[in-house]
């Protein structure tokens, strides 16, 4: 016959562990620089430089990105709630609509923006290396001409 007190404690322990892991989220906060050698921009020319400052708390995330290319420097700032709530952000490149939500320890950010009369979609999946020093963003980009994949490797500064 099993001891009901031991069984209750065991179940409570498992419930607490499940609850803690459900609320444990990866912290992407910090300043990140693009590692061009480990990134893959597919058919798109890579930027000369890219820095992303991520500010994150338990409910939201803000991305401040600075990119430099042959046309000059572009800065954008977008924010999302981390529960999948739709957001609209105004940037120098136009309006960005999107959402962010956790998929376990991974963060999925989906955005849509209009560029030169075309709708472009981005489906990003963010991962963080075990040492916390490298962030990888796997990005499926959708355009009227078709889809392609990008991979950003960013190193914490």
N, C-alpha and C. Protein backbone atom coordinates (compact mmCIF):
# COMPACT_ATOMS: atom_id res chain seq x y z
N UNK A 1 0.84 -1.17 0.00
CA UNK A 1 0.00 0.00 0.00
C UNK A 1 0.89 1.24 0.00
N UNK A 2 0.61 2.17 -0.88
CA UNK A 2 1.41 3.40 -0.99
C UNK A 2 1.00 4.39 0.09
N UNK A 3 1.99 5.12 0.54
CA UNK A 3 1.75 6.15 1.54
C UNK A 3 1.15 7.38 0.84
N UNK A 4 -0.08 7.80 1.21
CA UNK A 4 -0.72 8.93 0.52
C UNK A 4 0.00 10.25 0.75
N UNK A 5 0.71 10.43 1.86
CA UNK A 5 1.45 11.67 2.13
C UNK A 5 2.65 11.77 1.19
N UNK A 6 3.38 10.68 1.03
CA UNK A 6 4.54 10.66 0.13
C UNK A 6 4.07 10.89 -1.30
N UNK A 7 2.97 10.23 -1.67
CA UNK A 7 2.44 10.40 -3.03
C UNK A 7 2.02 11.85 -3.26
N UNK A 8 1.35 12.47 -2.29
CA UNK A 8 0.92 13.87 -2.41
C UNK A 8 2.12 14.80 -2.56
N UNK A 9 3.16 14.56 -1.77
CA UNK A 9 4.38 15.39 -1.85
C UNK A 9 5.06 15.23 -3.20
N UNK A 10 5.09 14.00 -3.67
CA UNK A 10 5.70 13.74 -4.98
C UNK A 10 4.94 14.46 -6.09
N UNK A 11 3.62 14.39 -6.05
CA UNK A 11 2.79 15.07 -7.05
C UNK A 11 2.94 16.58 -6.95
N UNK A 12 2.98 17.10 -5.72
CA UNK A 12 3.17 18.54 -5.54
C UNK A 12 4.51 18.98 -6.10
N UNK A 13 5.56 18.19 -5.85
CA UNK A 13 6.89 18.50 -6.37
C UNK A 13 6.90 18.53 -7.89
N UNK A 14 6.25 17.54 -8.50
CA UNK A 14 6.18 17.51 -9.97
C UNK A 14 5.39 18.69 -10.51
N UNK A 15 4.30 19.05 -9.84
CA UNK A 15 3.49 20.20 -10.28
C UNK A 15 4.29 21.49 -10.18
N UNK A 16 5.06 21.66 -9.09
CA UNK A 16 5.88 22.86 -8.94
C UNK A 16 6.98 22.92 -9.99
N UNK A 17 7.59 21.77 -10.28
CA UNK A 17 8.63 21.72 -11.31
C UNK A 17 8.05 22.07 -12.67
N UNK A 18 6.88 21.54 -12.99
CA UNK A 18 6.23 21.85 -14.28
C UNK A 18 5.88 23.33 -14.36
N UNK A 19 5.36 23.89 -13.28
CA UNK A 19 5.01 25.31 -13.28
C UNK A 19 6.25 26.18 -13.45
N UNK A 20 7.33 25.84 -12.77
CA UNK A 20 8.56 26.63 -12.87
C UNK A 20 9.12 26.58 -14.28
N UNK A 21 9.10 25.40 -14.91
CA UNK A 21 9.65 25.32 -16.26
C UNK A 21 8.75 26.03 -17.26
N UNK A 22 7.45 26.07 -17.01
CA UNK A 22 6.54 26.78 -17.92
C UNK A 22 6.82 28.28 -17.90
N UNK A 23 7.26 28.81 -16.76
CA UNK A 23 7.51 30.23 -16.65
C UNK A 23 8.96 30.60 -16.89
N UNK A 24 9.84 29.59 -16.98
CA UNK A 24 11.25 29.87 -17.23
C UNK A 24 11.40 30.24 -18.70
N UNK A 25 11.95 31.39 -18.96
CA UNK A 25 12.11 31.85 -20.34
C UNK A 25 13.57 32.20 -20.57
N UNK A 26 13.99 32.09 -21.79
CA UNK A 26 15.34 32.47 -22.15
C UNK A 26 15.45 33.99 -22.10
N UNK A 27 16.56 34.47 -21.57
CA UNK A 27 16.78 35.92 -21.49
C UNK A 27 17.73 36.35 -22.61
N UNK A 28 17.19 37.04 -23.60
CA UNK A 28 17.97 37.52 -24.73
C UNK A 28 18.50 38.94 -24.50
N UNK A 29 18.30 39.50 -23.32
CA UNK A 29 18.73 40.88 -23.04
C UNK A 29 20.22 41.06 -23.29
N UNK A 30 20.57 42.25 -23.79
CA UNK A 30 21.98 42.58 -23.99
C UNK A 30 22.21 43.25 -25.33
N UNK A 31 23.47 43.53 -25.58
CA UNK A 31 23.91 44.09 -26.85
C UNK A 31 24.56 42.98 -27.66
N UNK A 32 24.10 42.83 -28.89
CA UNK A 32 24.52 41.73 -29.76
C UNK A 32 25.07 42.29 -31.06
N UNK A 33 26.20 41.74 -31.52
CA UNK A 33 26.78 42.13 -32.81
C UNK A 33 26.74 40.95 -33.77
N UNK A 34 26.45 41.27 -35.02
CA UNK A 34 26.38 40.26 -36.06
C UNK A 34 27.74 39.63 -36.31
N UNK A 35 27.78 38.31 -36.37
CA UNK A 35 28.97 37.57 -36.80
C UNK A 35 28.70 37.17 -38.24
N UNK A 36 29.19 37.99 -39.17
CA UNK A 36 28.92 37.79 -40.59
C UNK A 36 29.41 36.46 -41.12
N UNK A 37 30.54 35.95 -40.58
CA UNK A 37 31.09 34.69 -41.05
C UNK A 37 30.20 33.50 -40.70
N UNK A 38 29.43 33.59 -39.63
CA UNK A 38 28.57 32.49 -39.21
C UNK A 38 27.11 32.70 -39.60
N UNK A 39 26.82 33.82 -40.25
CA UNK A 39 25.47 34.14 -40.69
C UNK A 39 25.30 33.77 -42.15
N UNK A 40 24.06 33.62 -42.57
CA UNK A 40 23.75 33.29 -43.97
C UNK A 40 22.58 34.15 -44.41
N UNK A 41 22.83 35.06 -45.34
CA UNK A 41 21.79 35.97 -45.81
C UNK A 41 21.13 35.51 -47.10
N UNK A 42 21.45 34.31 -47.55
CA UNK A 42 20.82 33.79 -48.74
C UNK A 42 20.98 34.75 -49.91
N UNK A 43 19.88 35.11 -50.59
CA UNK A 43 19.97 35.96 -51.77
C UNK A 43 20.09 37.46 -51.46
N UNK A 44 20.08 37.82 -50.18
CA UNK A 44 20.10 39.23 -49.79
C UNK A 44 21.52 39.65 -49.43
N UNK A 45 21.99 40.81 -49.89
CA UNK A 45 23.33 41.25 -49.49
C UNK A 45 23.37 41.50 -47.97
N UNK A 46 24.41 41.01 -47.31
CA UNK A 46 24.49 41.22 -45.86
C UNK A 46 24.83 42.67 -45.53
N UNK A 47 24.45 43.13 -44.36
CA UNK A 47 24.85 44.47 -43.96
C UNK A 47 26.35 44.49 -43.65
N UNK A 48 26.96 45.67 -43.75
CA UNK A 48 28.37 45.81 -43.37
C UNK A 48 28.52 45.56 -41.88
N UNK A 49 27.61 46.14 -41.10
CA UNK A 49 27.59 45.94 -39.65
C UNK A 49 26.15 45.87 -39.18
N UNK A 50 25.95 45.20 -38.06
CA UNK A 50 24.63 45.15 -37.45
C UNK A 50 24.80 44.95 -35.95
N UNK A 51 24.11 45.79 -35.19
CA UNK A 51 24.08 45.66 -33.74
C UNK A 51 22.62 45.66 -33.31
N UNK A 52 22.31 44.78 -32.37
CA UNK A 52 20.94 44.71 -31.85
C UNK A 52 21.00 44.77 -30.32
N UNK A 53 20.29 45.75 -29.77
CA UNK A 53 20.17 45.86 -28.32
C UNK A 53 18.79 45.32 -27.95
N UNK A 54 18.79 44.30 -27.10
CA UNK A 54 17.55 43.64 -26.69
C UNK A 54 17.28 43.97 -25.22
N UNK A 55 16.10 44.49 -24.98
CA UNK A 55 15.63 44.74 -23.62
C UNK A 55 14.43 43.84 -23.40
N UNK A 56 14.48 43.03 -22.34
CA UNK A 56 13.44 42.04 -22.13
C UNK A 56 13.08 41.96 -20.65
N UNK A 57 11.79 41.79 -20.39
CA UNK A 57 11.34 41.45 -19.05
C UNK A 57 10.37 40.27 -19.19
N UNK A 58 9.66 39.92 -18.16
CA UNK A 58 8.81 38.73 -18.21
C UNK A 58 7.63 38.87 -19.17
N UNK A 59 7.26 40.10 -19.53
CA UNK A 59 6.07 40.30 -20.37
C UNK A 59 6.35 40.85 -21.76
N UNK A 60 7.51 41.50 -21.97
CA UNK A 60 7.74 42.16 -23.27
C UNK A 60 9.21 42.11 -23.67
N UNK A 61 9.42 42.40 -24.94
CA UNK A 61 10.77 42.46 -25.49
C UNK A 61 10.83 43.64 -26.46
N UNK A 62 11.96 44.38 -26.43
CA UNK A 62 12.19 45.50 -27.34
C UNK A 62 13.50 45.26 -28.07
N UNK A 63 13.48 45.46 -29.39
CA UNK A 63 14.66 45.28 -30.23
C UNK A 63 15.03 46.61 -30.86
N UNK A 64 16.23 47.08 -30.56
CA UNK A 64 16.76 48.29 -31.20
C UNK A 64 17.91 47.84 -32.09
N UNK A 65 17.69 47.91 -33.39
CA UNK A 65 18.64 47.39 -34.36
C UNK A 65 19.24 48.52 -35.18
N UNK A 66 20.57 48.50 -35.31
CA UNK A 66 21.29 49.45 -36.15
C UNK A 66 22.05 48.65 -37.21
N UNK A 67 21.75 48.94 -38.48
CA UNK A 67 22.44 48.27 -39.59
C UNK A 67 23.09 49.31 -40.48
N UNK A 68 24.25 48.98 -40.97
CA UNK A 68 24.95 49.85 -41.91
C UNK A 68 25.23 49.06 -43.18
N UNK A 69 24.88 49.68 -44.33
CA UNK A 69 25.19 49.08 -45.62
C UNK A 69 25.59 50.19 -46.59
N UNK A 70 25.69 49.87 -47.86
CA UNK A 70 26.14 50.85 -48.85
C UNK A 70 25.22 52.07 -48.93
N UNK A 71 23.94 51.92 -48.59
CA UNK A 71 23.00 53.04 -48.65
C UNK A 71 23.04 53.90 -47.38
N UNK A 72 23.77 53.47 -46.36
CA UNK A 72 23.87 54.23 -45.12
C UNK A 72 23.45 53.42 -43.92
N UNK A 73 23.13 54.14 -42.84
CA UNK A 73 22.78 53.49 -41.58
C UNK A 73 21.28 53.59 -41.34
N UNK A 74 20.69 52.50 -40.88
CA UNK A 74 19.26 52.45 -40.58
C UNK A 74 19.10 51.95 -39.15
N UNK A 75 18.28 52.68 -38.37
CA UNK A 75 17.98 52.28 -37.00
C UNK A 75 16.49 52.00 -36.89
N UNK A 76 16.16 50.90 -36.25
CA UNK A 76 14.76 50.57 -36.00
C UNK A 76 14.59 50.17 -34.54
N UNK A 77 13.38 50.41 -34.03
CA UNK A 77 13.04 50.00 -32.67
C UNK A 77 11.63 49.43 -32.71
N UNK A 78 11.51 48.15 -32.32
CA UNK A 78 10.20 47.51 -32.28
C UNK A 78 10.05 46.77 -30.95
N UNK A 79 8.80 46.70 -30.48
CA UNK A 79 8.50 46.05 -29.21
C UNK A 79 7.33 45.09 -29.37
N UNK A 80 7.35 44.04 -28.56
CA UNK A 80 6.29 43.04 -28.58
C UNK A 80 5.98 42.58 -27.17
N UNK A 81 4.72 42.20 -26.95
CA UNK A 81 4.35 41.47 -25.75
C UNK A 81 4.76 40.01 -26.01
N UNK A 82 5.15 39.29 -24.98
CA UNK A 82 5.64 37.92 -25.17
C UNK A 82 4.55 36.86 -25.09
N UNK A 83 3.29 37.28 -25.12
CA UNK A 83 2.18 36.34 -25.04
C UNK A 83 1.46 36.13 -26.37
N UNK A 84 2.06 36.66 -27.46
CA UNK A 84 1.45 36.50 -28.78
C UNK A 84 0.48 37.60 -29.16
N UNK A 85 0.28 38.58 -28.28
CA UNK A 85 -0.61 39.70 -28.57
C UNK A 85 -0.08 40.47 -29.79
N UNK A 86 -0.93 40.78 -30.77
CA UNK A 86 -0.47 41.55 -31.94
C UNK A 86 0.02 42.95 -31.53
N UNK A 87 1.08 43.40 -32.21
CA UNK A 87 1.67 44.73 -31.97
C UNK A 87 1.83 45.44 -33.30
N UNK A 88 1.79 46.76 -33.25
CA UNK A 88 2.08 47.58 -34.42
C UNK A 88 3.16 48.57 -34.01
N UNK A 89 4.25 48.61 -34.78
CA UNK A 89 5.37 49.51 -34.51
C UNK A 89 5.61 50.39 -35.73
N UNK A 90 5.87 51.67 -35.47
CA UNK A 90 6.25 52.60 -36.54
C UNK A 90 7.78 52.68 -36.56
N UNK A 91 8.38 52.49 -37.73
CA UNK A 91 9.83 52.56 -37.87
C UNK A 91 10.18 53.48 -39.04
N UNK A 92 11.47 53.77 -39.18
CA UNK A 92 11.94 54.57 -40.30
C UNK A 92 11.66 53.88 -41.63
N UNK A 93 11.50 52.56 -41.59
CA UNK A 93 11.22 51.80 -42.80
C UNK A 93 9.73 51.55 -43.01
N UNK A 94 8.89 52.11 -42.13
CA UNK A 94 7.45 51.94 -42.26
C UNK A 94 6.88 51.16 -41.09
N UNK A 95 5.60 50.81 -41.23
CA UNK A 95 4.88 50.12 -40.17
C UNK A 95 5.26 48.64 -40.14
N UNK A 96 5.45 48.13 -38.92
CA UNK A 96 5.76 46.71 -38.71
C UNK A 96 4.67 46.14 -37.80
N UNK A 97 3.94 45.15 -38.32
CA UNK A 97 2.93 44.46 -37.52
C UNK A 97 3.49 43.09 -37.16
N UNK A 98 3.22 42.66 -35.92
CA UNK A 98 3.74 41.36 -35.56
C UNK A 98 3.36 40.90 -34.17
N UNK A 99 3.95 39.77 -33.79
CA UNK A 99 3.72 39.19 -32.48
C UNK A 99 4.92 38.35 -32.09
N UNK A 100 5.04 38.11 -30.78
CA UNK A 100 6.11 37.28 -30.25
C UNK A 100 5.52 36.35 -29.20
N UNK A 101 6.00 35.11 -29.19
CA UNK A 101 5.55 34.19 -28.15
C UNK A 101 6.58 33.09 -27.97
N UNK A 102 6.55 32.52 -26.77
CA UNK A 102 7.49 31.45 -26.42
C UNK A 102 7.02 30.12 -26.99
N UNK A 103 8.00 29.35 -27.46
CA UNK A 103 7.80 27.95 -27.83
C UNK A 103 8.84 27.18 -27.04
N UNK A 104 8.51 26.90 -25.79
CA UNK A 104 9.50 26.33 -24.87
C UNK A 104 10.53 27.40 -24.56
N UNK A 105 11.82 27.07 -24.74
CA UNK A 105 12.89 28.04 -24.50
C UNK A 105 13.18 28.88 -25.74
N UNK A 106 12.47 28.62 -26.84
CA UNK A 106 12.67 29.35 -28.08
C UNK A 106 11.66 30.49 -28.18
N UNK A 107 12.06 31.57 -28.81
CA UNK A 107 11.17 32.71 -29.02
C UNK A 107 10.85 32.81 -30.50
N UNK A 108 9.56 32.85 -30.83
CA UNK A 108 9.13 33.03 -32.23
C UNK A 108 8.57 34.44 -32.37
N UNK A 109 9.14 35.17 -33.32
CA UNK A 109 8.65 36.52 -33.63
C UNK A 109 8.23 36.52 -35.10
N UNK A 110 6.96 36.84 -35.33
CA UNK A 110 6.44 36.91 -36.69
C UNK A 110 6.08 38.36 -36.97
N UNK A 111 6.57 38.89 -38.11
CA UNK A 111 6.25 40.26 -38.47
C UNK A 111 5.88 40.34 -39.95
N UNK A 112 5.15 41.42 -40.26
CA UNK A 112 4.78 41.75 -41.63
C UNK A 112 5.04 43.23 -41.82
N UNK A 113 5.65 43.57 -42.94
CA UNK A 113 5.87 44.97 -43.27
C UNK A 113 5.71 45.15 -44.77
N UNK A 114 5.38 46.36 -45.16
CA UNK A 114 5.25 46.67 -46.57
C UNK A 114 6.47 47.47 -46.99
N UNK A 115 7.12 47.02 -48.06
CA UNK A 115 8.30 47.69 -48.59
C UNK A 115 8.14 47.86 -50.08
N UNK A 116 8.21 49.07 -50.55
CA UNK A 116 8.10 49.39 -51.98
C UNK A 116 6.86 48.73 -52.58
N UNK A 117 5.73 48.81 -51.86
CA UNK A 117 4.47 48.27 -52.35
C UNK A 117 4.33 46.77 -52.25
N UNK A 118 5.31 46.08 -51.65
CA UNK A 118 5.26 44.63 -51.51
C UNK A 118 5.14 44.26 -50.03
N UNK A 119 4.34 43.23 -49.73
CA UNK A 119 4.26 42.74 -48.36
C UNK A 119 5.36 41.70 -48.15
N UNK A 120 6.13 41.92 -47.09
CA UNK A 120 7.22 41.01 -46.73
C UNK A 120 6.90 40.44 -45.35
N UNK A 121 7.00 39.11 -45.20
CA UNK A 121 6.76 38.48 -43.90
C UNK A 121 8.07 37.90 -43.38
N UNK A 122 8.21 37.93 -42.07
CA UNK A 122 9.38 37.38 -41.39
C UNK A 122 8.89 36.45 -40.29
N UNK A 123 9.37 35.23 -40.28
CA UNK A 123 9.04 34.26 -39.24
C UNK A 123 10.37 33.86 -38.60
N UNK A 124 10.68 34.48 -37.45
CA UNK A 124 11.97 34.30 -36.79
C UNK A 124 11.85 33.33 -35.63
N UNK A 125 12.83 32.46 -35.48
CA UNK A 125 12.93 31.58 -34.33
C UNK A 125 14.27 31.84 -33.66
N UNK A 126 14.21 32.37 -32.45
CA UNK A 126 15.41 32.77 -31.70
C UNK A 126 15.83 31.65 -30.76
N UNK A 127 17.14 31.35 -30.76
CA UNK A 127 17.71 30.39 -29.82
C UNK A 127 18.96 31.01 -29.20
N UNK A 128 19.28 30.55 -28.01
CA UNK A 128 20.46 31.03 -27.29
C UNK A 128 21.33 29.84 -26.96
N UNK A 129 22.63 29.96 -27.27
CA UNK A 129 23.57 28.89 -26.96
C UNK A 129 23.62 28.67 -25.45
N UNK A 130 24.01 27.48 -25.03
CA UNK A 130 24.05 27.13 -23.61
C UNK A 130 24.91 28.09 -22.79
N UNK A 131 25.97 28.63 -23.40
CA UNK A 131 26.85 29.55 -22.66
C UNK A 131 26.31 30.98 -22.62
N UNK A 132 25.18 31.24 -23.33
CA UNK A 132 24.56 32.56 -23.32
C UNK A 132 25.28 33.60 -24.14
N UNK A 133 26.29 33.20 -24.92
CA UNK A 133 27.11 34.18 -25.65
C UNK A 133 26.78 34.29 -27.13
N UNK A 134 26.00 33.35 -27.67
CA UNK A 134 25.65 33.38 -29.08
C UNK A 134 24.14 33.19 -29.23
N UNK A 135 23.53 34.12 -29.95
CA UNK A 135 22.12 34.03 -30.30
C UNK A 135 22.03 33.70 -31.79
N UNK A 136 21.14 32.76 -32.11
CA UNK A 136 20.89 32.43 -33.51
C UNK A 136 19.44 32.76 -33.82
N UNK A 137 19.25 33.45 -34.94
CA UNK A 137 17.90 33.79 -35.39
C UNK A 137 17.72 33.13 -36.76
N UNK A 138 16.90 32.07 -36.80
CA UNK A 138 16.56 31.41 -38.05
C UNK A 138 15.31 32.12 -38.57
N UNK A 139 15.40 32.64 -39.79
CA UNK A 139 14.35 33.51 -40.30
C UNK A 139 13.87 33.01 -41.66
N UNK A 140 12.56 32.77 -41.75
CA UNK A 140 11.95 32.44 -43.04
C UNK A 140 11.29 33.71 -43.54
N UNK A 141 11.75 34.18 -44.69
CA UNK A 141 11.27 35.44 -45.25
C UNK A 141 10.35 35.12 -46.43
N UNK A 142 9.17 35.74 -46.42
CA UNK A 142 8.22 35.55 -47.50
C UNK A 142 8.07 36.83 -48.30
N UNK A 143 8.20 36.72 -49.61
CA UNK A 143 8.04 37.86 -50.51
C UNK A 143 7.10 37.45 -51.64
N UNK A 144 6.61 38.41 -52.43
CA UNK A 144 5.77 38.03 -53.58
C UNK A 144 6.50 37.11 -54.56
N UNK A 145 7.83 37.16 -54.57
CA UNK A 145 8.61 36.31 -55.48
C UNK A 145 8.89 34.93 -54.90
N UNK A 146 8.57 34.71 -53.62
CA UNK A 146 8.82 33.41 -53.00
C UNK A 146 9.44 33.55 -51.62
N UNK A 147 9.74 32.40 -51.04
CA UNK A 147 10.34 32.37 -49.71
C UNK A 147 11.82 32.05 -49.78
N UNK A 148 12.56 32.52 -48.75
CA UNK A 148 13.95 32.13 -48.59
C UNK A 148 14.30 32.19 -47.11
N UNK A 149 15.40 31.53 -46.76
CA UNK A 149 15.83 31.47 -45.37
C UNK A 149 17.05 32.36 -45.15
N UNK A 150 17.06 32.97 -43.96
CA UNK A 150 18.21 33.74 -43.48
C UNK A 150 18.61 33.16 -42.13
N UNK A 151 19.87 33.25 -41.80
CA UNK A 151 20.32 32.85 -40.46
C UNK A 151 21.25 33.93 -39.93
N UNK A 152 20.89 34.50 -38.80
CA UNK A 152 21.74 35.49 -38.15
C UNK A 152 22.44 34.84 -36.97
N UNK A 153 23.74 35.01 -36.88
CA UNK A 153 24.51 34.60 -35.71
C UNK A 153 24.96 35.90 -35.04
N UNK A 154 24.55 36.10 -33.80
CA UNK A 154 24.85 37.32 -33.07
C UNK A 154 25.64 36.97 -31.82
N UNK A 155 26.69 37.75 -31.54
CA UNK A 155 27.57 37.50 -30.40
C UNK A 155 27.34 38.58 -29.36
N UNK A 156 27.18 38.13 -28.11
CA UNK A 156 26.92 39.06 -27.00
C UNK A 156 28.17 39.87 -26.72
N UNK A 157 27.96 41.17 -26.53
CA UNK A 157 29.08 42.08 -26.25
C UNK A 157 29.25 42.29 -24.76
